[in-house]
Amino acid sequence: MNDLEITPKVLLEVIRCWECGRWWALEKGIAGTCPSCAERKIKAANGRADAAERSARASRGAATRARQR
């Protein structure tokens, strides 16, 4: 038997990000977000979530101390 080898052709589109100016490639016909900007937005969101968690923890601690008095 003969071996069959199939290699798919994937058309890539090179796009420049409007926010950071970096060039990145994405499969043609698919919309996406610049990986660099997406990572920055995720880190910012995680930072806000962490800050909110610290604030909630501090409020719970203050309420517990107030009840103990």
PDB file of N, CA and C in Angstrom:
ATOM      1  N   MET A   1       0.825  -1.190   0.000  1.00  0.00           N
ATOM      2  CA  MET A   1       0.000   0.000   0.000  1.00  0.00           C
ATOM      3  C   MET A   1       0.869   1.253   0.000  1.00  0.00           C
ATOM      4  N   ASN A   2       0.351   2.257  -0.594  1.00  0.00           N
ATOM      5  CA  ASN A   2       1.050   3.538  -0.608  1.00  0.00           C
ATOM      6  C   ASN A   2       0.652   4.365   0.595  1.00  0.00           C
ATOM      7  N   ASP A   3       1.609   5.106   1.121  1.00  0.00           N
ATOM      8  CA  ASP A   3       1.297   6.027   2.214  1.00  0.00           C
ATOM      9  C   ASP A   3       0.719   7.302   1.629  1.00  0.00           C
ATOM     10  N   LEU A   4      -0.286   7.802   2.283  1.00  0.00           N
ATOM     11  CA  LEU A   4      -0.943   9.023   1.839  1.00  0.00           C
ATOM     12  C   LEU A   4      -0.552  10.158   2.772  1.00  0.00           C
ATOM     13  N   GLU A   5      -0.008  11.195   2.217  1.00  0.00           N
ATOM     14  CA  GLU A   5       0.404  12.342   3.019  1.00  0.00           C
ATOM     15  C   GLU A   5      -0.412  13.551   2.591  1.00  0.00           C
ATOM     16  N   ILE A   6      -1.128  14.131   3.548  1.00  0.00           N
ATOM     17  CA  ILE A   6      -1.957  15.294   3.261  1.00  0.00           C
ATOM     18  C   ILE A   6      -1.403  16.479   4.038  1.00  0.00           C
ATOM     19  N   THR A   7      -1.125  17.541   3.335  1.00  0.00           N
ATOM     20  CA  THR A   7      -0.662  18.764   3.994  1.00  0.00           C
ATOM     21  C   THR A   7      -1.683  19.862   3.708  1.00  0.00           C
ATOM     22  N   PRO A   8      -2.353  20.342   4.737  1.00  0.00           N
ATOM     23  CA  PRO A   8      -3.371  21.382   4.527  1.00  0.00           C
ATOM     24  C   PRO A   8      -2.723  22.728   4.218  1.00  0.00           C
ATOM     25  N   LYS A   9      -3.398  23.485   3.382  1.00  0.00           N
ATOM     26  CA  LYS A   9      -2.953  24.843   3.079  1.00  0.00           C
ATOM     27  C   LYS A   9      -3.748  25.790   3.960  1.00  0.00           C
ATOM     28  N   VAL A  10      -3.050  26.560   4.753  1.00  0.00           N
ATOM     29  CA  VAL A  10      -3.701  27.540   5.621  1.00  0.00           C
ATOM     30  C   VAL A  10      -3.240  28.921   5.182  1.00  0.00           C
ATOM     31  N   LEU A  11      -4.193  29.731   4.776  1.00  0.00           N
ATOM     32  CA  LEU A  11      -3.862  31.087   4.364  1.00  0.00           C
ATOM     33  C   LEU A  11      -3.807  31.988   5.589  1.00  0.00           C
ATOM     34  N   LEU A  12      -2.666  32.622   5.782  1.00  0.00           N
ATOM     35  CA  LEU A  12      -2.500  33.531   6.907  1.00  0.00           C
ATOM     36  C   LEU A  12      -2.568  34.965   6.422  1.00  0.00           C
ATOM     37  N   GLU A  13      -3.144  35.786   7.243  1.00  0.00           N
ATOM     38  CA  GLU A  13      -3.262  37.196   6.939  1.00  0.00           C
ATOM     39  C   GLU A  13      -2.445  37.956   7.969  1.00  0.00           C
ATOM     40  N   VAL A  14      -1.562  38.816   7.533  1.00  0.00           N
ATOM     41  CA  VAL A  14      -0.735  39.606   8.442  1.00  0.00           C
ATOM     42  C   VAL A  14      -1.482  40.903   8.742  1.00  0.00           C
ATOM     43  N   ILE A  15      -1.662  41.155  10.027  1.00  0.00           N
ATOM     44  CA  ILE A  15      -2.459  42.297  10.473  1.00  0.00           C
ATOM     45  C   ILE A  15      -1.621  43.160  11.401  1.00  0.00           C
ATOM     46  N   ARG A  16      -1.836  44.453  11.346  1.00  0.00           N
ATOM     47  CA  ARG A  16      -1.171  45.363  12.271  1.00  0.00           C
ATOM     48  C   ARG A  16      -2.188  45.835  13.302  1.00  0.00           C
ATOM     49  N   CYS A  17      -1.810  45.758  14.561  1.00  0.00           N
ATOM     50  CA  CYS A  17      -2.698  46.161  15.657  1.00  0.00           C
ATOM     51  C   CYS A  17      -2.789  47.685  15.689  1.00  0.00           C
ATOM     52  N   TRP A  18      -3.992  48.200  15.828  1.00  0.00           N
ATOM     53  CA  TRP A  18      -4.187  49.642  15.872  1.00  0.00           C
ATOM     54  C   TRP A  18      -3.771  50.226  17.215  1.00  0.00           C
ATOM     55  N   GLU A  19      -3.831  49.416  18.270  1.00  0.00           N
ATOM     56  CA  GLU A  19      -3.516  49.924  19.605  1.00  0.00           C
ATOM     57  C   GLU A  19      -2.010  49.968  19.877  1.00  0.00           C
ATOM     58  N   CYS A  20      -1.319  48.859  19.612  1.00  0.00           N
ATOM     59  CA  CYS A  20       0.103  48.799  19.978  1.00  0.00           C
ATOM     60  C   CYS A  20       1.037  48.881  18.765  1.00  0.00           C
ATOM     61  N   GLY A  21       0.517  48.716  17.563  1.00  0.00           N
ATOM     62  CA  GLY A  21       1.325  48.832  16.362  1.00  0.00           C
ATOM     63  C   GLY A  21       2.107  47.582  15.988  1.00  0.00           C
ATOM     64  N   ARG A  22       1.893  46.471  16.697  1.00  0.00           N
ATOM     65  CA  ARG A  22       2.618  45.239  16.387  1.00  0.00           C
ATOM     66  C   ARG A  22       1.967  44.517  15.216  1.00  0.00           C
ATOM     67  N   TRP A  23       2.783  43.788  14.500  1.00  0.00           N
ATOM     68  CA  TRP A  23       2.296  42.952  13.412  1.00  0.00           C
ATOM     69  C   TRP A  23       2.093  41.541  13.943  1.00  0.00           C
ATOM     70  N   TRP A  24       1.015  40.881  13.536  1.00  0.00           N
ATOM     71  CA  TRP A  24       0.762  39.508  13.926  1.00  0.00           C
ATOM     72  C   TRP A  24      -0.040  38.820  12.833  1.00  0.00           C
ATOM     73  N   ALA A  25       0.029  37.505  12.794  1.00  0.00           N
ATOM     74  CA  ALA A  25      -0.612  36.737  11.731  1.00  0.00           C
ATOM     75  C   ALA A  25      -1.795  35.966  12.293  1.00  0.00           C
ATOM     76  N   LEU A  26      -2.835  35.876  11.467  1.00  0.00           N
ATOM     77  CA  LEU A  26      -4.047  35.164  11.837  1.00  0.00           C
ATOM     78  C   LEU A  26      -4.601  34.483  10.595  1.00  0.00           C
ATOM     79  N   GLU A  27      -5.261  33.366  10.812  1.00  0.00           N
ATOM     80  CA  GLU A  27      -5.823  32.640   9.681  1.00  0.00           C
ATOM     81  C   GLU A  27      -6.831  33.534   8.961  1.00  0.00           C
ATOM     82  N   LYS A  28      -6.780  33.537   7.642  1.00  0.00           N
ATOM     83  CA  LYS A  28      -7.634  34.413   6.846  1.00  0.00           C
ATOM     84  C   LYS A  28      -9.105  34.101   7.094  1.00  0.00           C
ATOM     85  N   GLY A  29      -9.905  35.134   7.275  1.00  0.00           N
ATOM     86  CA  GLY A  29     -11.335  34.978   7.472  1.00  0.00           C
ATOM     87  C   GLY A  29     -11.753  34.846   8.919  1.00  0.00           C
ATOM     88  N   ILE A  30     -10.798  34.887   9.842  1.00  0.00           N
ATOM     89  CA  ILE A  30     -11.116  34.781  11.267  1.00  0.00           C
ATOM     90  C   ILE A  30     -10.744  36.097  11.934  1.00  0.00           C
ATOM     91  N   ALA A  31     -11.687  36.637  12.688  1.00  0.00           N
ATOM     92  CA  ALA A  31     -11.416  37.880  13.406  1.00  0.00           C
ATOM     93  C   ALA A  31     -10.782  37.532  14.754  1.00  0.00           C
ATOM     94  N   GLY A  32      -9.872  38.362  15.194  1.00  0.00           N
ATOM     95  CA  GLY A  32      -9.211  38.082  16.463  1.00  0.00           C
ATOM     96  C   GLY A  32      -8.681  39.342  17.098  1.00  0.00           C
ATOM     97  N   THR A  33      -8.053  39.167  18.231  1.00  0.00           N
ATOM     98  CA  THR A  33      -7.462  40.268  18.970  1.00  0.00           C
ATOM     99  C   THR A  33      -5.955  40.077  19.003  1.00  0.00           C
ATOM    100  N   CYS A  34      -5.246  41.159  18.967  1.00  0.00           N
ATOM    101  CA  CYS A  34      -3.789  41.124  19.046  1.00  0.00           C
ATOM    102  C   CYS A  34      -3.388  40.396  20.325  1.00  0.00           C
ATOM    103  N   PRO A  35      -2.528  39.390  20.242  1.00  0.00           N
ATOM    104  CA  PRO A  35      -2.141  38.644  21.442  1.00  0.00           C
ATOM    105  C   PRO A  35      -1.494  39.517  22.516  1.00  0.00           C
ATOM    106  N   SER A  36      -0.723  40.492  22.119  1.00  0.00           N
ATOM    107  CA  SER A  36      -0.056  41.370  23.076  1.00  0.00           C
ATOM    108  C   SER A  36      -1.075  42.225  23.824  1.00  0.00           C
ATOM    109  N   CYS A  37      -2.024  42.808  23.094  1.00  0.00           N
ATOM    110  CA  CYS A  37      -3.042  43.646  23.727  1.00  0.00           C
ATOM    111  C   CYS A  37      -3.981  42.797  24.580  1.00  0.00           C
ATOM    112  N   ALA A  38      -4.305  41.603  24.111  1.00  0.00           N
ATOM    113  CA  ALA A  38      -5.182  40.715  24.871  1.00  0.00           C
ATOM    114  C   ALA A  38      -4.532  40.332  26.194  1.00  0.00           C
ATOM    115  N   GLU A  39      -3.248  40.024  26.164  1.00  0.00           N
ATOM    116  CA  GLU A  39      -2.540  39.667  27.399  1.00  0.00           C
ATOM    117  C   GLU A  39      -2.526  40.843  28.370  1.00  0.00           C
ATOM    118  N   ARG A  40      -2.297  42.048  27.849  1.00  0.00           N
ATOM    119  CA  ARG A  40      -2.276  43.240  28.697  1.00  0.00           C
ATOM    120  C   ARG A  40      -3.653  43.477  29.332  1.00  0.00           C
ATOM    121  N   LYS A  41      -4.735  43.278  28.549  1.00  0.00           N
ATOM    122  CA  LYS A  41      -6.086  43.474  29.077  1.00  0.00           C
ATOM    123  C   LYS A  41      -6.422  42.413  30.126  1.00  0.00           C
ATOM    124  N   ILE A  42      -5.977  41.188  29.917  1.00  0.00           N
ATOM    125  CA  ILE A  42      -6.226  40.117  30.883  1.00  0.00           C
ATOM    126  C   ILE A  42      -5.494  40.396  32.190  1.00  0.00           C
ATOM    127  N   LYS A  43      -4.231  40.848  32.104  1.00  0.00           N
ATOM    128  CA  LYS A  43      -3.476  41.177  33.318  1.00  0.00           C
ATOM    129  C   LYS A  43      -4.137  42.320  34.082  1.00  0.00           C
ATOM    130  N   ALA A  44      -4.649  43.319  33.364  1.00  0.00           N
ATOM    131  CA  ALA A  44      -5.324  44.439  34.017  1.00  0.00           C
ATOM    132  C   ALA A  44      -6.599  43.965  34.707  1.00  0.00           C
ATOM    133  N   ALA A  45      -7.367  43.106  34.041  1.00  0.00           N
ATOM    134  CA  ALA A  45      -8.597  42.585  34.639  1.00  0.00           C
ATOM    135  C   ALA A  45      -8.294  41.734  35.867  1.00  0.00           C
ATOM    136  N   ASN A  46      -7.249  40.914  35.787  1.00  0.00           N
ATOM    137  CA  ASN A  46      -6.857  40.109  36.945  1.00  0.00           C
ATOM    138  C   ASN A  46      -6.409  41.000  38.106  1.00  0.00           C
ATOM    139  N   GLY A  47      -5.722  42.066  37.807  1.00  0.00           N
ATOM    140  CA  GLY A  47      -5.291  43.004  38.844  1.00  0.00           C
ATOM    141  C   GLY A  47      -6.480  43.659  39.530  1.00  0.00           C
ATOM    142  N   ARG A  48      -7.499  44.051  38.732  1.00  0.00           N
ATOM    143  CA  ARG A  48      -8.700  44.643  39.323  1.00  0.00           C
ATOM    144  C   ARG A  48      -9.445  43.623  40.178  1.00  0.00           C
ATOM    145  N   ALA A  49      -9.504  42.379  39.725  1.00  0.00           N
ATOM    146  CA  ALA A  49     -10.183  41.328  40.499  1.00  0.00           C
ATOM    147  C   ALA A  49      -9.436  41.065  41.806  1.00  0.00           C
ATOM    148  N   ASP A  50      -8.117  41.043  41.751  1.00  0.00           N
ATOM    149  CA  ASP A  50      -7.318  40.840  42.968  1.00  0.00           C
ATOM    150  C   ASP A  50      -7.526  41.987  43.954  1.00  0.00           C
ATOM    151  N   ALA A  51      -7.574  43.211  43.443  1.00  0.00           N
ATOM    152  CA  ALA A  51      -7.785  44.366  44.309  1.00  0.00           C
ATOM    153  C   ALA A  51      -9.169  44.299  44.958  1.00  0.00           C
ATOM    154  N   ALA A  52     -10.165  43.906  44.210  1.00  0.00           N
ATOM    155  CA  ALA A  52     -11.514  43.779  44.757  1.00  0.00           C
ATOM    156  C   ALA A  52     -11.559  42.690  45.830  1.00  0.00           C
ATOM    157  N   GLU A  53     -10.856  41.588  45.593  1.00  0.00           N
ATOM    158  CA  GLU A  53     -10.802  40.502  46.580  1.00  0.00           C
ATOM    159  C   GLU A  53     -10.116  40.958  47.866  1.00  0.00           C
ATOM    160  N   ARG A  54      -9.020  41.702  47.742  1.00  0.00           N
ATOM    161  CA  ARG A  54      -8.338  42.224  48.932  1.00  0.00           C
ATOM    162  C   ARG A  54      -9.241  43.183  49.703  1.00  0.00           C
ATOM    163  N   SER A  55      -9.982  44.023  48.988  1.00  0.00           N
ATOM    164  CA  SER A  55     -10.886  44.963  49.627  1.00  0.00           C
ATOM    165  C   SER A  55     -12.006  44.226  50.359  1.00  0.00           C
ATOM    166  N   ALA A  56     -12.563  43.210  49.724  1.00  0.00           N
ATOM    167  CA  ALA A  56     -13.626  42.429  50.355  1.00  0.00           C
ATOM    168  C   ALA A  56     -13.098  41.714  51.594  1.00  0.00           C
ATOM    169  N   ARG A  57     -11.898  41.167  51.504  1.00  0.00           N
ATOM    170  CA  ARG A  57     -11.295  40.484  52.645  1.00  0.00           C
ATOM    171  C   ARG A  57     -11.081  41.453  53.818  1.00  0.00           C
ATOM    172  N   ALA A  58     -10.611  42.657  53.499  1.00  0.00           N
ATOM    173  CA  ALA A  58     -10.393  43.661  54.543  1.00  0.00           C
ATOM    174  C   ALA A  58     -11.719  44.064  55.185  1.00  0.00           C
ATOM    175  N   SER A  59     -12.767  44.205  54.392  1.00  0.00           N
ATOM    176  CA  SER A  59     -14.082  44.572  54.925  1.00  0.00           C
ATOM    177  C   SER A  59     -14.631  43.471  55.823  1.00  0.00           C
ATOM    178  N   ARG A  60     -14.461  42.217  55.416  1.00  0.00           N
ATOM    179  CA  ARG A  60     -14.919  41.106  56.253  1.00  0.00           C
ATOM    180  C   ARG A  60     -14.163  41.081  57.572  1.00  0.00           C
ATOM    181  N   GLY A  61     -12.860  41.317  57.508  1.00  0.00           N
ATOM    182  CA  GLY A  61     -12.058  41.343  58.722  1.00  0.00           C
ATOM    183  C   GLY A  61     -12.472  42.469  59.647  1.00  0.00           C
ATOM    184  N   ALA A  62     -12.752  43.648  59.079  1.00  0.00           N
ATOM    185  CA  ALA A  62     -13.180  44.789  59.892  1.00  0.00           C
ATOM    186  C   ALA A  62     -14.535  44.504  60.534  1.00  0.00           C
ATOM    187  N   ALA A  63     -15.437  43.877  59.807  1.00  0.00           N
ATOM    188  CA  ALA A  63     -16.752  43.548  60.354  1.00  0.00           C
ATOM    189  C   ALA A  63     -16.620  42.514  61.477  1.00  0.00           C
ATOM    190  N   THR A  64     -15.742  41.553  61.300  1.00  0.00           N
ATOM    191  CA  THR A  64     -15.528  40.535  62.335  1.00  0.00           C
ATOM    192  C   THR A  64     -14.950  41.169  63.598  1.00  0.00           C
ATOM    193  N   ARG A  65     -13.959  42.047  63.443  1.00  0.00           N
ATOM    194  CA  ARG A  65     -13.379  42.722  64.604  1.00  0.00           C
ATOM    195  C   ARG A  65     -14.394  43.600  65.309  1.00  0.00           C
ATOM    196  N   ALA A  66     -15.283  44.258  64.541  1.00  0.00           N
ATOM    197  CA  ALA A  66     -16.301  45.119  65.131  1.00  0.00           C
ATOM    198  C   ALA A  66     -17.313  44.278  65.929  1.00  0.00           C
ATOM    199  N   ARG A  67     -17.648  43.105  65.435  1.00  0.00           N
ATOM    200  CA  ARG A  67     -18.587  42.233  66.151  1.00  0.00           C
ATOM    201  C   ARG A  67     -17.975  41.676  67.427  1.00  0.00           C
ATOM    202  N   GLN A  68     -16.676  41.502  67.443  1.00  0.00           N
ATOM    203  CA  GLN A  68     -16.009  40.938  68.614  1.00  0.00           C
ATOM    204  C   GLN A  68     -15.933  41.930  69.778  1.00  0.00           C
ATOM    205  N   ARG A  69     -16.071  43.178  69.512  1.00  0.00           N
ATOM    206  CA  ARG A  69     -15.976  44.209  70.568  1.00  0.00           C
ATOM    207  C   ARG A  69     -17.221  44.300  71.384  1.00  0.00           C
TER     208      ARG A  69
END
